[in-house]
C-alpha cells in the first residue's frame, strides 16, 4: 500500500469508525466530544455549530493520539483538531502521523494536501509514517525523582519516590515528553517495528485517547485535593531521600550546582526537541547560550 492509499483510506476509515456503520452517510459524532476532561472546557466545543463539532471529532480520530505537542498544541491532539477547523491551522503539523495523516485531514477539510512537517526519525516505507520509537529507562541510573511520571500523558511510567521507575513499552507512544524532566538523562529512545492494520491502529488510538483523558481527570482531582502529597521535585531531594540508613555528604554549594544543572538540562532538552521539528534562529541562539552556561557550570564543580 502506498502513502496515497493510506491517506484516502484513513479519512474513510475515520468516518466509518465514528458512525459505527460502514453503510450509511456520516452523522454528527457528538459522543466523541462528550464528557471531556475539564482541560478542554476552554475550547468551548458545545458552542460550535454541529457540523464543525463533527469535523473536529473526525480530525481528532485521524490524529495518532500521542499528545506530543509537536504541532504547537501542548494540550494534545484535540486542541489541534479544533484549531484546524476554527482557526484555519495548517493541516500538516502532525509529525508522528506523517504524510498519511496530513493527507487524511486535508481530505476531510476539502483542501489540497501539504508536505508534512518532517520528523527526525526515518520514514517507515510500509506505513508512510515516521518510524515509531519507545522510551526506555536505564534503571541503573534512575534516582527515583518521579519527575517523568506526571509528564507521561498516557501513564505508561510506574514507580514511586526514591525507587527506580519502569516504562511499559506497550503503552508508550514515543512522545518524548518524559525526556526533558529527567535530571540525570537516564531515558533513551529506541526505534521499534510496529505495523498495525488500519483497524488495529484505530483501536490503539482510541485506547491511548482514553488513557490520556483518564490521566487528565486524575490530575484534576489531585490539584483539587489539598492533602495530596507532592512528589520529590529535585535530584538533591531524591539523593537525600535515599539516605534512609546512611548519610550523604552534600554541601550547600554542590546542592545549588546540582539544581542549576538540572534546570539547564531541562531547558536544553526542550529547545532541542523544538528545533528538531522546525528551525528557529532565536531559539538556536538561546540553545547555544544555555549549552555554554551548562559547560561552564560543570567545569566549575569538577
Protein backbone atom coordinates (compact mmCIF):
# COMPACT_ATOMS: atom_id res chain seq x y z
CA UNK A 1 0.00 0.00 0.00
CA UNK A 2 1.42 3.39 -0.96
CA UNK A 3 1.22 6.55 1.16
CA UNK A 4 -1.50 7.89 -1.12
CA UNK A 5 -3.54 4.77 -0.47
CA UNK A 6 -3.19 5.39 3.26
CA UNK A 7 -4.46 8.97 3.07
CA UNK A 8 -7.63 8.05 1.21
CA UNK A 9 -8.31 5.04 3.41
CA UNK A 10 -7.70 6.94 6.65
CA UNK A 11 -10.42 9.52 6.05
CA UNK A 12 -12.92 6.85 5.02
CA UNK A 13 -11.95 4.73 7.99
CA UNK A 14 -12.44 7.62 10.39
CA UNK A 15 -15.92 8.36 9.10
CA UNK A 16 -16.96 4.71 9.37
CA UNK A 17 -15.44 4.26 12.80
CA UNK A 18 -17.21 7.31 14.15
CA UNK A 19 -20.55 6.38 12.62
CA UNK A 20 -20.38 2.80 13.83
CA UNK A 21 -21.87 1.86 10.48
CA UNK A 22 -19.94 1.48 7.24
CA UNK A 23 -23.02 1.60 5.03
CA UNK A 24 -24.62 4.91 5.99
CA UNK A 25 -23.54 8.52 5.44
CA UNK A 26 -21.67 10.39 8.15
CA UNK A 27 -23.82 11.71 11.02
CA UNK A 28 -22.87 14.11 13.84
CA UNK A 29 -20.44 12.28 16.12
CA UNK A 30 -21.04 14.22 19.29
CA UNK A 31 -20.27 11.22 21.52
CA UNK A 32 -16.55 11.69 20.90
CA UNK A 33 -16.79 15.23 22.26
CA UNK A 34 -18.93 14.32 25.28
CA UNK A 35 -17.68 14.14 28.88
CA UNK A 36 -14.27 15.58 28.05
CA UNK A 37 -11.73 16.43 30.79
CA UNK A 38 -12.01 19.93 32.23
CA UNK A 39 -8.79 20.89 30.43
CA UNK A 40 -10.79 21.13 27.20
CA UNK A 41 -13.54 23.41 28.55
CA UNK A 42 -11.66 26.39 27.13
CA UNK A 43 -12.22 25.05 23.62
CA UNK A 44 -15.96 25.75 24.05
CA UNK A 45 -16.89 22.95 21.68
CA UNK A 46 -20.54 22.97 22.77
CA UNK A 47 -20.91 26.48 21.37
CA UNK A 48 -19.77 25.47 17.89
CA UNK A 49 -22.15 24.58 15.05
CA UNK A 50 -22.93 20.88 14.80
CA UNK A 51 -21.09 20.43 11.50
CA UNK A 52 -17.92 21.93 13.00
CA UNK A 53 -18.15 19.64 16.01
CA UNK A 54 -18.47 16.67 13.69
CA UNK A 55 -15.47 17.74 11.65
CA UNK A 56 -13.35 18.27 14.76
CA UNK A 57 -14.27 14.79 16.00
CA UNK A 58 -13.35 13.26 12.64
CA UNK A 59 -9.98 15.03 12.55
CA UNK A 60 -9.28 14.06 16.16
CA UNK A 61 -9.94 10.45 15.16
CA UNK A 62 -7.35 10.79 12.39
CA UNK A 63 -4.66 12.01 14.76
CA UNK A 64 -2.35 9.43 16.40
CA UNK A 65 -3.22 10.47 19.98
CA UNK A 66 0.40 10.68 21.08
CA UNK A 67 -0.37 14.07 22.71
CA UNK A 68 3.25 15.00 21.96
CA UNK A 69 2.73 18.75 21.41
CA UNK A 70 4.90 18.86 18.29
CA UNK A 71 2.01 20.56 16.50
CA UNK A 72 2.47 23.52 18.89
CA UNK A 73 -0.56 22.43 20.91
CA UNK A 74 0.86 21.12 24.19
CA UNK A 75 -2.59 20.09 25.43
CA UNK A 76 -2.78 17.38 22.78
CA UNK A 77 -4.47 16.22 19.63
CA UNK A 78 -7.99 17.55 20.25
CA UNK A 79 -6.91 21.21 20.58
CA UNK A 80 -5.00 20.86 17.30
CA UNK A 81 -8.07 19.34 15.61
CA UNK A 82 -10.16 22.23 16.94
CA UNK A 83 -7.67 24.82 15.69
CA UNK A 84 -7.69 23.29 12.21
CA UNK A 85 -11.46 23.77 11.98
CA UNK A 86 -11.95 27.03 13.86
CA UNK A 87 -8.69 28.89 13.23
CA UNK A 88 -7.64 27.51 9.83
CA UNK A 89 -4.50 25.98 11.34
CA UNK A 90 -2.36 24.17 8.71
CA UNK A 91 -3.24 20.51 8.27
CA UNK A 92 0.37 19.33 8.06
CA UNK A 93 1.67 19.82 11.61
CA UNK A 94 1.19 16.29 12.97
CA UNK A 95 4.77 14.99 12.98
CA UNK A 96 4.17 11.41 14.25
CA UNK A 97 1.20 10.96 11.90
CA UNK A 98 3.35 11.67 8.88
CA UNK A 99 2.06 12.29 5.39
CA UNK A 100 -0.85 9.80 5.65
CA UNK A 101 -2.46 11.74 8.50
CA UNK A 102 -1.86 15.07 6.78
CA UNK A 103 -3.47 13.74 3.61
CA UNK A 104 -6.46 12.37 5.54
CA UNK A 105 -7.08 15.66 7.35
CA UNK A 106 -6.77 17.62 4.10
CA UNK A 107 -9.35 15.31 2.55
CA UNK A 108 -11.76 15.89 5.45
CA UNK A 109 -11.23 19.65 5.17
CA UNK A 110 -11.70 19.61 1.39
CA UNK A 111 -8.24 21.13 0.91
CA UNK A 112 -5.17 20.39 -1.12
CA UNK A 113 -2.72 18.40 0.96
CA UNK A 114 0.62 19.83 2.10
CA UNK A 115 4.04 18.30 2.78
CA UNK A 116 4.06 17.20 6.41
CA UNK A 117 6.36 18.76 8.98
CA UNK A 118 9.35 16.39 8.85
CA UNK A 119 10.26 14.10 11.70
CA UNK A 120 13.78 13.44 12.95
CA UNK A 121 13.00 9.73 12.64
CA UNK A 122 13.21 7.97 9.25
CA UNK A 123 10.01 7.20 7.35
CA UNK A 124 8.63 3.68 7.53
CA UNK A 125 8.12 2.55 3.94
CA UNK A 126 5.13 0.38 4.86
CA UNK A 127 3.06 2.91 6.79
CA UNK A 128 4.37 6.14 5.26
CA UNK A 129 4.71 7.47 8.82
CA UNK A 130 7.89 8.16 10.81
CA UNK A 131 9.37 5.08 12.44
CA UNK A 132 7.85 4.64 15.88
CA UNK A 133 10.01 4.91 18.98
CA UNK A 134 9.58 3.91 22.59
CA UNK A 135 11.17 5.31 25.73
CA UNK A 136 13.25 3.05 27.93
CA UNK A 137 14.64 3.93 31.36
CA UNK A 138 18.19 2.89 32.18
CA UNK A 139 17.14 1.62 35.55
CA UNK A 140 20.66 1.53 36.99
CA UNK A 141 20.88 5.30 36.50
CA UNK A 142 17.37 6.17 37.70
CA UNK A 143 17.33 8.07 41.01
CA UNK A 144 13.59 7.78 41.61
CA UNK A 145 12.86 11.51 41.41
CA UNK A 146 9.36 10.81 39.93
CA UNK A 147 9.55 13.80 37.55
CA UNK A 148 8.95 11.66 34.47
CA UNK A 149 5.76 10.11 35.84
CA UNK A 150 3.41 13.15 35.60
CA UNK A 151 4.97 14.08 32.25
CA UNK A 152 3.65 10.92 30.58
CA UNK A 153 0.26 11.67 29.00
CA UNK A 154 -0.85 8.03 28.98
CA UNK A 155 0.51 6.89 32.36
CA UNK A 156 2.99 4.44 30.86
CA UNK A 157 5.57 5.02 33.61
CA UNK A 158 5.32 3.37 37.02
CA UNK A 159 7.43 3.93 40.12
CA UNK A 160 7.50 5.70 43.44
CA UNK A 161 9.77 8.27 45.00
CA UNK A 162 13.30 7.04 45.77
CA UNK A 163 12.77 3.84 43.77
CA UNK A 164 13.70 3.17 40.16
CA UNK A 165 10.96 3.56 37.55
CA UNK A 166 9.86 1.43 34.61
CA UNK A 167 8.14 2.29 31.32
CA UNK A 168 5.53 -0.05 29.86
CA UNK A 169 6.68 -0.06 26.25
CA UNK A 170 3.33 -1.44 25.07
CA UNK A 171 1.69 1.77 26.31
CA UNK A 172 4.45 4.26 25.46
CA UNK A 173 3.64 6.46 22.46
CA UNK A 174 7.16 7.79 21.89
CA UNK A 175 6.00 11.34 22.61
CA UNK A 176 9.38 12.17 24.25
CA UNK A 177 7.69 14.26 26.95
CA UNK A 178 9.44 12.30 29.70
CA UNK A 179 12.90 13.30 28.47
CA UNK A 180 13.08 17.00 29.47
CA UNK A 181 12.07 16.50 33.14
CA UNK A 182 14.67 13.77 33.79
CA UNK A 183 17.57 15.42 35.64
CA UNK A 184 20.01 12.55 35.07
CA UNK A 185 19.33 11.81 31.38
CA UNK A 186 18.55 8.15 32.03
CA UNK A 187 15.79 7.78 29.41
CA UNK A 188 16.64 6.53 25.92
CA UNK A 189 14.51 6.29 22.77
CA UNK A 190 14.68 3.15 20.64
CA UNK A 191 13.11 2.51 17.24
CA UNK A 192 10.65 -0.37 17.03
CA UNK A 193 8.93 -2.35 14.31
CA UNK A 194 5.24 -1.53 14.52
CA UNK A 195 2.96 -2.00 11.52
CA UNK A 196 -0.63 -2.36 12.75
CA UNK A 197 -3.51 -2.86 10.36
CA UNK A 198 -5.86 0.07 9.79
CA UNK A 199 -8.38 -1.45 12.21
CA UNK A 200 -5.70 -2.09 14.85
CA UNK A 201 -4.48 1.49 14.55
CA UNK A 202 -8.00 2.85 15.15
CA UNK A 203 -8.28 0.67 18.26
CA UNK A 204 -4.85 1.71 19.54
CA UNK A 205 -5.62 5.40 19.07
CA UNK A 206 -8.95 5.06 20.87
CA UNK A 207 -7.20 3.32 23.77
CA UNK A 208 -4.47 5.97 24.00
CA UNK A 209 -7.03 8.76 23.85
CA UNK A 210 -8.96 7.22 26.74
CA UNK A 211 -5.78 6.81 28.79
CA UNK A 212 -4.92 10.47 28.21
CA UNK A 213 -8.35 11.60 29.33
CA UNK A 214 -8.10 9.38 32.42
CA UNK A 215 -4.71 10.92 33.15
CA UNK A 216 -6.14 14.45 32.87
CA UNK A 217 -9.10 13.61 35.11
CA UNK A 218 -6.82 12.19 37.78
CA UNK A 219 -4.51 15.21 37.67
CA UNK A 220 -7.55 17.46 38.07
CA UNK A 221 -8.60 15.52 41.17
CA UNK A 222 -5.08 15.74 42.60
CA UNK A 223 -4.96 19.50 42.10
CA UNK A 224 -8.28 19.85 43.89
CA UNK A 225 -7.12 17.64 46.76
CA UNK A 226 -5.06 19.83 49.09
CA UNK A 227 -4.00 16.78 51.09
CA UNK A 228 -2.29 15.18 48.07
CA UNK A 229 1.41 14.75 48.83
CA UNK A 230 3.73 16.47 46.39
CA UNK A 231 6.32 14.31 44.62
CA UNK A 232 10.05 14.68 45.05
CA UNK A 233 10.94 17.71 42.98
CA UNK A 234 14.71 17.72 42.64
CA UNK A 235 17.65 15.39 42.28
CA UNK A 236 19.05 16.68 45.55
CA UNK A 237 15.85 15.77 47.41
CA UNK A 238 15.94 12.35 45.78
CA UNK A 239 19.52 11.83 46.95
CA UNK A 240 18.63 12.88 50.48
CA UNK A 241 15.52 10.74 50.46
CA UNK A 242 17.53 7.68 49.52
CA UNK A 243 19.65 8.11 52.62
CA UNK A 244 17.38 6.10 54.87
CA UNK A 245 20.16 4.30 56.69
CA UNK A 246 23.15 6.28 55.56
CA UNK A 247 24.22 9.88 55.35
CA UNK A 248 25.06 11.72 52.15
CA UNK A 249 27.85 14.25 52.33
CA UNK A 250 26.47 17.01 50.13
CA UNK A 251 27.30 20.63 50.74
CA UNK A 252 25.20 23.70 50.08
CA UNK A 253 27.24 24.71 47.01
CA UNK A 254 27.01 21.23 45.50
CA UNK A 255 23.26 21.22 46.04
CA UNK A 256 22.88 24.58 44.31
CA UNK A 257 25.05 23.47 41.38
CA UNK A 258 23.09 20.21 41.03
CA UNK A 259 19.75 22.02 40.91
CA UNK A 260 21.06 24.66 38.50
CA UNK A 261 22.49 21.99 36.16
CA UNK A 262 19.21 20.03 36.21
CA UNK A 263 17.25 23.15 35.28
CA UNK A 264 19.65 23.94 32.43
CA UNK A 265 19.42 20.40 31.06
CA UNK A 266 15.63 20.61 31.10
CA UNK A 267 15.65 23.87 29.13
CA UNK A 268 18.21 22.49 26.67
CA UNK A 269 16.18 19.34 26.03
CA UNK A 270 13.02 21.33 25.35
CA UNK A 271 14.79 23.60 22.88
CA UNK A 272 16.48 20.67 21.12
CA UNK A 273 13.10 18.99 20.70
CA UNK A 274 11.54 22.15 19.26
CA UNK A 275 14.46 22.74 16.89
CA UNK A 276 14.33 19.14 15.70
CA UNK A 277 10.87 19.91 14.30
CA UNK A 278 11.48 23.36 12.82
CA UNK A 279 14.41 25.75 12.69
CA UNK A 280 14.26 28.97 14.69
CA UNK A 281 17.35 31.25 14.78
CA UNK A 282 16.31 32.88 18.05
CA UNK A 283 15.87 29.53 19.78
CA UNK A 284 19.14 28.28 18.26
CA UNK A 285 20.97 31.23 19.81
CA UNK A 286 19.25 30.60 23.15
CA UNK A 287 20.25 26.92 22.96
CA UNK A 288 23.89 27.76 22.33
CA UNK A 289 23.93 30.13 25.31
CA UNK A 290 22.39 27.51 27.61
CA UNK A 291 24.85 24.86 26.45
CA UNK A 292 27.76 27.20 27.16
CA UNK A 293 26.33 28.03 30.60
CA UNK A 294 25.98 24.32 31.42
CA UNK A 295 29.52 23.60 30.28
CA UNK A 296 30.89 26.40 32.45
CA UNK A 297 28.84 25.24 35.42
CA UNK A 298 30.03 21.66 35.01
CA UNK A 299 33.66 22.75 34.71
CA UNK A 300 33.42 24.85 37.86
CA UNK A 301 32.50 21.86 40.05
CA UNK A 302 34.99 19.36 38.61
